[in-house]
Amino acid sequence: MHPEFGANSSSGPGLVTVGVYNDLAEATVALSVLESVGIHAILCDVTVARLIRSPLGGIRLQVEEMDEQSASEVLAQSVPDSIAFDVGKSFEQPRCPACSSRRVSAASLLSGVPQPAHGDTWSCDACGALWEDSDD
């Protein structure tokens, strides 16, 4: 088991929850963002969240009390419109056509069901809308 993934629901002394996530992928991204700026974080309730899907979330992201404010500020930053990943190349973050939120996830990652090869199916984390983004 990854050392930052707490298998049970118990929190360590001096830890506070700075985020609660519905799926492991989203929680792992948040954990990585915090660790990339030097804030040690752990994920709790991973096993429980895999067994019981809750609309309230289930995977808790925790940091030491002294890092709570910094972690909250880092996690509150908006999603960038694009991310450069190679010389002359970038990933354009999709925007929900229903509510314009950039808090979107690839639906194939959420459902575990393969999606059609001609485009990507997206899910909005803010309003729940689903749409297909074709490669045209």
N, C-alpha and C. Protein backbone atom coordinates (compact mmCIF):
# COMPACT_ATOMS: atom_id res chain seq x y z
N MET A 1 0.85 -1.18 0.00
CA MET A 1 0.00 0.00 0.00
C MET A 1 0.89 1.23 0.00
N HIS A 2 0.51 2.22 -0.78
CA HIS A 2 1.23 3.48 -0.84
C HIS A 2 1.27 4.09 0.55
N PRO A 3 2.42 4.60 1.03
CA PRO A 3 2.51 5.08 2.40
C PRO A 3 1.61 6.26 2.72
N GLU A 4 1.20 7.03 1.70
CA GLU A 4 0.32 8.16 1.97
C GLU A 4 -1.15 7.79 1.93
N PHE A 5 -1.47 6.52 1.71
CA PHE A 5 -2.86 6.09 1.66
C PHE A 5 -3.21 5.40 2.97
N GLY A 6 -4.01 6.05 3.80
CA GLY A 6 -4.44 5.44 5.04
C GLY A 6 -5.54 4.43 4.76
N ALA A 7 -5.39 3.24 5.22
CA ALA A 7 -6.36 2.19 4.92
C ALA A 7 -7.61 2.30 5.78
N ASN A 8 -7.50 2.90 6.95
CA ASN A 8 -8.67 2.95 7.82
C ASN A 8 -9.10 4.38 8.05
N SER A 9 -10.08 4.58 8.88
CA SER A 9 -10.64 5.91 9.07
C SER A 9 -10.00 6.68 10.22
N SER A 10 -9.05 6.11 10.91
CA SER A 10 -8.47 6.83 12.02
C SER A 10 -7.48 7.87 11.54
N SER A 11 -7.51 9.04 12.16
CA SER A 11 -6.60 10.11 11.83
C SER A 11 -5.48 10.12 12.84
N GLY A 12 -4.32 10.52 12.38
CA GLY A 12 -3.19 10.64 13.29
C GLY A 12 -3.33 11.88 14.15
N PRO A 13 -2.57 11.94 15.23
CA PRO A 13 -2.63 13.13 16.09
C PRO A 13 -2.12 14.35 15.35
N GLY A 14 -2.82 15.46 15.49
CA GLY A 14 -2.40 16.70 14.87
C GLY A 14 -2.73 16.82 13.40
N LEU A 15 -3.55 15.90 12.86
CA LEU A 15 -3.92 15.97 11.45
C LEU A 15 -5.31 16.57 11.30
N VAL A 16 -5.49 17.35 10.24
CA VAL A 16 -6.79 17.94 9.93
C VAL A 16 -7.15 17.62 8.49
N THR A 17 -8.44 17.53 8.22
CA THR A 17 -8.94 17.24 6.88
C THR A 17 -9.06 18.55 6.10
N VAL A 18 -8.42 18.58 4.91
CA VAL A 18 -8.49 19.78 4.06
C VAL A 18 -9.27 19.51 2.77
N GLY A 19 -9.69 18.27 2.56
CA GLY A 19 -10.47 17.94 1.38
C GLY A 19 -11.09 16.57 1.51
N VAL A 20 -12.25 16.39 0.88
CA VAL A 20 -12.93 15.10 0.83
C VAL A 20 -13.30 14.85 -0.62
N TYR A 21 -12.96 13.66 -1.13
CA TYR A 21 -13.08 13.37 -2.56
C TYR A 21 -13.90 12.12 -2.81
N ASN A 22 -14.55 12.10 -3.98
CA ASN A 22 -15.40 10.97 -4.37
C ASN A 22 -14.60 9.82 -4.96
N ASP A 23 -13.47 10.11 -5.58
CA ASP A 23 -12.73 9.03 -6.21
C ASP A 23 -11.23 9.17 -5.96
N LEU A 24 -10.55 8.05 -6.07
CA LEU A 24 -9.13 7.99 -5.76
C LEU A 24 -8.29 8.84 -6.70
N ALA A 25 -8.67 8.91 -7.97
CA ALA A 25 -7.89 9.70 -8.93
C ALA A 25 -7.87 11.18 -8.53
N GLU A 26 -9.02 11.73 -8.21
CA GLU A 26 -9.12 13.14 -7.81
C GLU A 26 -8.36 13.38 -6.51
N ALA A 27 -8.49 12.48 -5.55
CA ALA A 27 -7.79 12.62 -4.27
C ALA A 27 -6.28 12.54 -4.46
N THR A 28 -5.83 11.66 -5.34
CA THR A 28 -4.40 11.50 -5.59
C THR A 28 -3.82 12.74 -6.25
N VAL A 29 -4.56 13.37 -7.15
CA VAL A 29 -4.10 14.61 -7.77
C VAL A 29 -3.93 15.69 -6.70
N ALA A 30 -4.91 15.82 -5.82
CA ALA A 30 -4.83 16.83 -4.75
C ALA A 30 -3.63 16.54 -3.83
N LEU A 31 -3.42 15.28 -3.50
CA LEU A 31 -2.27 14.88 -2.68
C LEU A 31 -0.97 15.27 -3.38
N SER A 32 -0.88 15.00 -4.67
CA SER A 32 0.33 15.32 -5.43
C SER A 32 0.57 16.82 -5.52
N VAL A 33 -0.51 17.60 -5.67
CA VAL A 33 -0.37 19.05 -5.73
C VAL A 33 0.23 19.56 -4.42
N LEU A 34 -0.30 19.08 -3.29
CA LEU A 34 0.23 19.52 -2.00
C LEU A 34 1.69 19.11 -1.83
N GLU A 35 2.00 17.88 -2.17
CA GLU A 35 3.37 17.41 -1.98
C GLU A 35 4.33 18.12 -2.92
N SER A 36 3.85 18.59 -4.08
CA SER A 36 4.72 19.30 -5.02
C SER A 36 5.16 20.66 -4.49
N VAL A 37 4.41 21.19 -3.51
CA VAL A 37 4.81 22.47 -2.89
C VAL A 37 5.37 22.25 -1.49
N GLY A 38 5.68 21.00 -1.16
CA GLY A 38 6.34 20.71 0.11
C GLY A 38 5.44 20.48 1.31
N ILE A 39 4.16 20.28 1.07
CA ILE A 39 3.23 20.02 2.17
C ILE A 39 2.97 18.51 2.23
N HIS A 40 3.37 17.88 3.33
CA HIS A 40 3.14 16.44 3.48
C HIS A 40 1.66 16.21 3.73
N ALA A 41 1.09 15.24 3.01
CA ALA A 41 -0.34 14.95 3.13
C ALA A 41 -0.55 13.44 3.06
N ILE A 42 -1.69 13.01 3.60
CA ILE A 42 -2.07 11.60 3.53
C ILE A 42 -3.53 11.49 3.10
N LEU A 43 -3.87 10.34 2.53
CA LEU A 43 -5.26 10.04 2.18
C LEU A 43 -5.79 9.02 3.18
N CYS A 44 -6.97 9.29 3.72
CA CYS A 44 -7.61 8.37 4.67
C CYS A 44 -8.93 7.86 4.11
N ASP A 45 -9.33 6.70 4.55
CA ASP A 45 -10.60 6.07 4.18
C ASP A 45 -10.65 5.62 2.73
N VAL A 46 -9.49 5.32 2.15
CA VAL A 46 -9.45 4.88 0.76
C VAL A 46 -10.19 3.56 0.60
N THR A 47 -9.96 2.62 1.47
CA THR A 47 -10.61 1.30 1.38
C THR A 47 -12.11 1.43 1.54
N VAL A 48 -12.56 2.20 2.50
CA VAL A 48 -14.00 2.40 2.74
C VAL A 48 -14.64 3.05 1.52
N ALA A 49 -13.99 4.07 0.96
CA ALA A 49 -14.55 4.78 -0.19
C ALA A 49 -14.66 3.87 -1.41
N ARG A 50 -13.76 2.91 -1.55
CA ARG A 50 -13.84 1.98 -2.68
C ARG A 50 -15.03 1.03 -2.52
N LEU A 51 -15.39 0.72 -1.30
CA LEU A 51 -16.48 -0.21 -1.04
C LEU A 51 -17.84 0.47 -1.06
N ILE A 52 -17.90 1.70 -0.57
CA ILE A 52 -19.17 2.42 -0.44
C ILE A 52 -19.05 3.76 -1.15
N ARG A 53 -19.74 3.91 -2.28
CA ARG A 53 -19.74 5.18 -3.00
C ARG A 53 -20.78 6.09 -2.34
N SER A 54 -20.35 7.28 -1.92
CA SER A 54 -21.24 8.21 -1.27
C SER A 54 -21.23 9.54 -2.02
N PRO A 55 -22.39 10.17 -2.20
CA PRO A 55 -22.41 11.48 -2.85
C PRO A 55 -21.70 12.55 -2.03
N LEU A 56 -21.45 12.26 -0.77
CA LEU A 56 -20.75 13.21 0.09
C LEU A 56 -19.24 13.03 0.03
N GLY A 57 -18.79 12.06 -0.72
CA GLY A 57 -17.36 11.79 -0.80
C GLY A 57 -16.98 10.78 0.26
N GLY A 58 -15.72 10.50 0.33
CA GLY A 58 -15.32 9.52 1.31
C GLY A 58 -13.83 9.46 1.56
N ILE A 59 -13.01 9.85 0.59
CA ILE A 59 -11.57 9.84 0.77
C ILE A 59 -11.16 11.20 1.33
N ARG A 60 -10.60 11.16 2.54
CA ARG A 60 -10.20 12.41 3.20
C ARG A 60 -8.73 12.70 2.94
N LEU A 61 -8.42 13.93 2.58
CA LEU A 61 -7.05 14.41 2.41
C LEU A 61 -6.69 15.17 3.68
N GLN A 62 -5.64 14.70 4.36
CA GLN A 62 -5.27 15.31 5.63
C GLN A 62 -3.83 15.82 5.62
N VAL A 63 -3.63 16.90 6.37
CA VAL A 63 -2.31 17.50 6.56
C VAL A 63 -2.12 17.79 8.03
N GLU A 64 -0.90 18.12 8.40
CA GLU A 64 -0.64 18.53 9.78
C GLU A 64 -1.32 19.86 10.04
N GLU A 65 -1.75 20.08 11.29
CA GLU A 65 -2.47 21.30 11.65
C GLU A 65 -1.73 22.55 11.22
N MET A 66 -0.40 22.57 11.38
CA MET A 66 0.38 23.77 11.05
C MET A 66 0.36 24.07 9.55
N ASP A 67 0.01 23.09 8.70
CA ASP A 67 -0.03 23.29 7.26
C ASP A 67 -1.44 23.52 6.72
N GLU A 68 -2.44 23.53 7.61
CA GLU A 68 -3.83 23.61 7.17
C GLU A 68 -4.11 24.83 6.29
N GLN A 69 -3.72 26.01 6.71
CA GLN A 69 -4.02 27.22 5.95
C GLN A 69 -3.32 27.21 4.59
N SER A 70 -2.04 26.84 4.59
CA SER A 70 -1.29 26.79 3.32
C SER A 70 -1.91 25.77 2.37
N ALA A 71 -2.25 24.60 2.90
CA ALA A 71 -2.84 23.55 2.07
C ALA A 71 -4.18 24.01 1.50
N SER A 72 -5.00 24.65 2.30
CA SER A 72 -6.30 25.13 1.83
C SER A 72 -6.13 26.17 0.74
N GLU A 73 -5.13 27.04 0.87
CA GLU A 73 -4.87 28.06 -0.16
C GLU A 73 -4.42 27.41 -1.46
N VAL A 74 -3.54 26.42 -1.38
CA VAL A 74 -3.06 25.73 -2.57
C VAL A 74 -4.22 25.01 -3.27
N LEU A 75 -5.05 24.32 -2.51
CA LEU A 75 -6.16 23.57 -3.09
C LEU A 75 -7.26 24.48 -3.64
N ALA A 76 -7.34 25.72 -3.17
CA ALA A 76 -8.36 26.66 -3.63
C ALA A 76 -7.99 27.33 -4.95
N GLN A 77 -6.75 27.15 -5.40
CA GLN A 77 -6.35 27.77 -6.66
C GLN A 77 -7.18 27.21 -7.81
N SER A 78 -7.48 28.07 -8.75
CA SER A 78 -8.31 27.64 -9.87
C SER A 78 -7.52 26.74 -10.82
N VAL A 79 -8.25 25.94 -11.55
CA VAL A 79 -7.65 25.06 -12.54
C VAL A 79 -7.20 25.93 -13.71
N PRO A 80 -5.96 25.78 -14.16
CA PRO A 80 -5.50 26.61 -15.28
C PRO A 80 -6.22 26.25 -16.58
N ASP A 81 -6.34 27.24 -17.49
CA ASP A 81 -6.99 27.00 -18.78
C ASP A 81 -6.20 26.01 -19.63
N SER A 82 -4.87 26.08 -19.54
CA SER A 82 -4.04 25.15 -20.30
C SER A 82 -2.79 24.82 -19.50
N ILE A 83 -2.22 23.66 -19.83
CA ILE A 83 -1.02 23.19 -19.14
C ILE A 83 -0.01 22.80 -20.21
N ALA A 84 1.16 23.47 -20.21
CA ALA A 84 2.22 23.13 -21.16
C ALA A 84 2.89 21.85 -20.70
N PHE A 85 3.08 20.90 -21.63
CA PHE A 85 3.70 19.65 -21.23
C PHE A 85 4.87 19.26 -22.13
N ASP A 86 5.09 19.97 -23.20
CA ASP A 86 6.21 19.71 -24.09
C ASP A 86 6.43 20.98 -24.90
N VAL A 87 7.55 21.07 -25.55
CA VAL A 87 7.85 22.25 -26.34
C VAL A 87 6.78 22.42 -27.43
N GLY A 88 6.09 23.54 -27.37
CA GLY A 88 5.07 23.84 -28.36
C GLY A 88 3.76 23.08 -28.19
N LYS A 89 3.61 22.29 -27.14
CA LYS A 89 2.38 21.53 -26.93
C LYS A 89 1.77 21.89 -25.58
N SER A 90 0.44 21.85 -25.54
CA SER A 90 -0.25 22.10 -24.28
C SER A 90 -1.55 21.34 -24.26
N PHE A 91 -2.05 21.11 -23.06
CA PHE A 91 -3.34 20.48 -22.84
C PHE A 91 -4.33 21.58 -22.49
N GLU A 92 -5.40 21.69 -23.25
CA GLU A 92 -6.44 22.68 -22.97
C GLU A 92 -7.48 22.05 -22.06
N GLN A 93 -7.64 22.58 -20.87
CA GLN A 93 -8.59 22.05 -19.91
C GLN A 93 -10.01 22.25 -20.41
N PRO A 94 -10.79 21.19 -20.51
CA PRO A 94 -12.18 21.33 -20.97
C PRO A 94 -13.02 22.18 -20.00
N ARG A 95 -14.05 22.79 -20.55
CA ARG A 95 -14.99 23.60 -19.76
C ARG A 95 -16.37 23.00 -19.96
N CYS A 96 -17.13 22.89 -18.88
CA CYS A 96 -18.48 22.34 -18.94
C CYS A 96 -19.37 23.25 -19.81
N PRO A 97 -20.05 22.66 -20.80
CA PRO A 97 -20.94 23.47 -21.64
C PRO A 97 -22.20 23.94 -20.90
N ALA A 98 -22.54 23.30 -19.80
CA ALA A 98 -23.76 23.67 -19.06
C ALA A 98 -23.52 24.80 -18.05
N CYS A 99 -22.38 24.74 -17.30
CA CYS A 99 -22.17 25.73 -16.24
C CYS A 99 -20.83 26.46 -16.35
N SER A 100 -20.03 26.13 -17.35
CA SER A 100 -18.72 26.76 -17.62
C SER A 100 -17.63 26.43 -16.61
N SER A 101 -17.87 25.48 -15.73
CA SER A 101 -16.86 25.09 -14.73
C SER A 101 -15.71 24.36 -15.41
N ARG A 102 -14.52 24.51 -14.86
CA ARG A 102 -13.35 23.76 -15.32
C ARG A 102 -13.12 22.54 -14.42
N ARG A 103 -13.99 22.31 -13.44
CA ARG A 103 -13.89 21.14 -12.56
C ARG A 103 -14.54 19.96 -13.26
N VAL A 104 -13.83 19.40 -14.21
CA VAL A 104 -14.35 18.29 -15.01
C VAL A 104 -13.42 17.10 -14.94
N SER A 105 -13.97 15.92 -15.18
CA SER A 105 -13.19 14.68 -15.17
C SER A 105 -13.57 13.87 -16.40
N ALA A 106 -12.62 13.06 -16.87
CA ALA A 106 -12.92 12.15 -17.96
C ALA A 106 -13.90 11.11 -17.44
N ALA A 107 -15.06 11.01 -18.06
CA ALA A 107 -16.10 10.09 -17.59
C ALA A 107 -15.64 8.65 -17.65
N SER A 108 -14.75 8.31 -18.57
CA SER A 108 -14.28 6.93 -18.67
C SER A 108 -13.47 6.55 -17.44
N LEU A 109 -12.81 7.53 -16.82
CA LEU A 109 -12.06 7.25 -15.60
C LEU A 109 -13.01 7.03 -14.42
N LEU A 110 -14.14 7.70 -14.44
CA LEU A 110 -15.09 7.59 -13.34
C LEU A 110 -15.90 6.30 -13.41
N SER A 111 -16.30 5.93 -14.63
CA SER A 111 -17.20 4.80 -14.76
C SER A 111 -16.48 3.48 -14.89
N GLY A 112 -15.24 3.52 -15.35
CA GLY A 112 -14.50 2.30 -15.60
C GLY A 112 -14.93 1.60 -16.86
N VAL A 113 -15.86 2.23 -17.62
CA VAL A 113 -16.34 1.66 -18.87
C VAL A 113 -15.61 2.34 -20.02
N PRO A 114 -15.02 1.58 -20.93
CA PRO A 114 -14.33 2.18 -22.07
C PRO A 114 -15.26 3.09 -22.85
N GLN A 115 -14.73 4.22 -23.32
CA GLN A 115 -15.51 5.19 -24.07
C GLN A 115 -15.18 5.07 -25.56
N PRO A 116 -16.04 5.60 -26.43
CA PRO A 116 -15.78 5.53 -27.87
C PRO A 116 -14.45 6.19 -28.22
N ALA A 117 -13.78 5.65 -29.24
CA ALA A 117 -12.46 6.14 -29.63
C ALA A 117 -12.51 7.48 -30.35
N HIS A 118 -13.67 7.91 -30.85
CA HIS A 118 -13.74 9.14 -31.64
C HIS A 118 -13.80 10.41 -30.79
N GLY A 119 -13.86 10.33 -29.52
CA GLY A 119 -13.89 11.51 -28.68
C GLY A 119 -13.82 11.15 -27.22
N ASP A 120 -13.75 12.18 -26.38
CA ASP A 120 -13.69 11.97 -24.94
C ASP A 120 -15.04 12.32 -24.32
N THR A 121 -15.48 11.51 -23.37
CA THR A 121 -16.69 11.80 -22.64
C THR A 121 -16.28 12.41 -21.31
N TRP A 122 -16.85 13.56 -21.00
CA TRP A 122 -16.50 14.32 -19.80
C TRP A 122 -17.68 14.41 -18.85
N SER A 123 -17.35 14.56 -17.56
CA SER A 123 -18.35 14.74 -16.52
C SER A 123 -17.99 15.98 -15.73
N CYS A 124 -18.97 16.85 -15.47
CA CYS A 124 -18.73 18.05 -14.69
C CYS A 124 -18.88 17.74 -13.20
N ASP A 125 -17.84 18.01 -12.43
CA ASP A 125 -17.88 17.79 -10.99
C ASP A 125 -18.75 18.82 -10.28
N ALA A 126 -19.01 19.96 -10.94
CA ALA A 126 -19.80 21.02 -10.32
C ALA A 126 -21.30 20.80 -10.49
N CYS A 127 -21.74 20.45 -11.73
CA CYS A 127 -23.19 20.34 -11.97
C CYS A 127 -23.63 18.95 -12.39
N GLY A 128 -22.69 18.04 -12.67
CA GLY A 128 -23.03 16.67 -13.03
C GLY A 128 -23.32 16.43 -14.50
N ALA A 129 -23.17 17.46 -15.34
CA ALA A 129 -23.44 17.31 -16.77
C ALA A 129 -22.45 16.34 -17.41
N LEU A 130 -22.90 15.62 -18.43
CA LEU A 130 -22.06 14.72 -19.22
C LEU A 130 -22.08 15.21 -20.66
N TRP A 131 -20.94 15.20 -21.35
CA TRP A 131 -20.89 15.57 -22.74
C TRP A 131 -19.70 14.91 -23.41
N GLU A 132 -19.78 14.85 -24.74
CA GLU A 132 -18.70 14.27 -25.52
C GLU A 132 -17.97 15.37 -26.26
N ASP A 133 -16.66 15.32 -26.18
CA ASP A 133 -15.79 16.27 -26.85
C ASP A 133 -15.14 15.53 -28.01
N SER A 134 -15.57 15.84 -29.23
CA SER A 134 -15.03 15.11 -30.38
C SER A 134 -13.65 15.65 -30.75
N ASP A 135 -12.90 14.86 -31.48
CA ASP A 135 -11.54 15.24 -31.89
C ASP A 135 -11.52 16.00 -33.20
N ASP A 136 -12.61 16.61 -33.59
CA ASP A 136 -12.69 17.33 -34.88
C ASP A 136 -11.76 18.50 -34.92
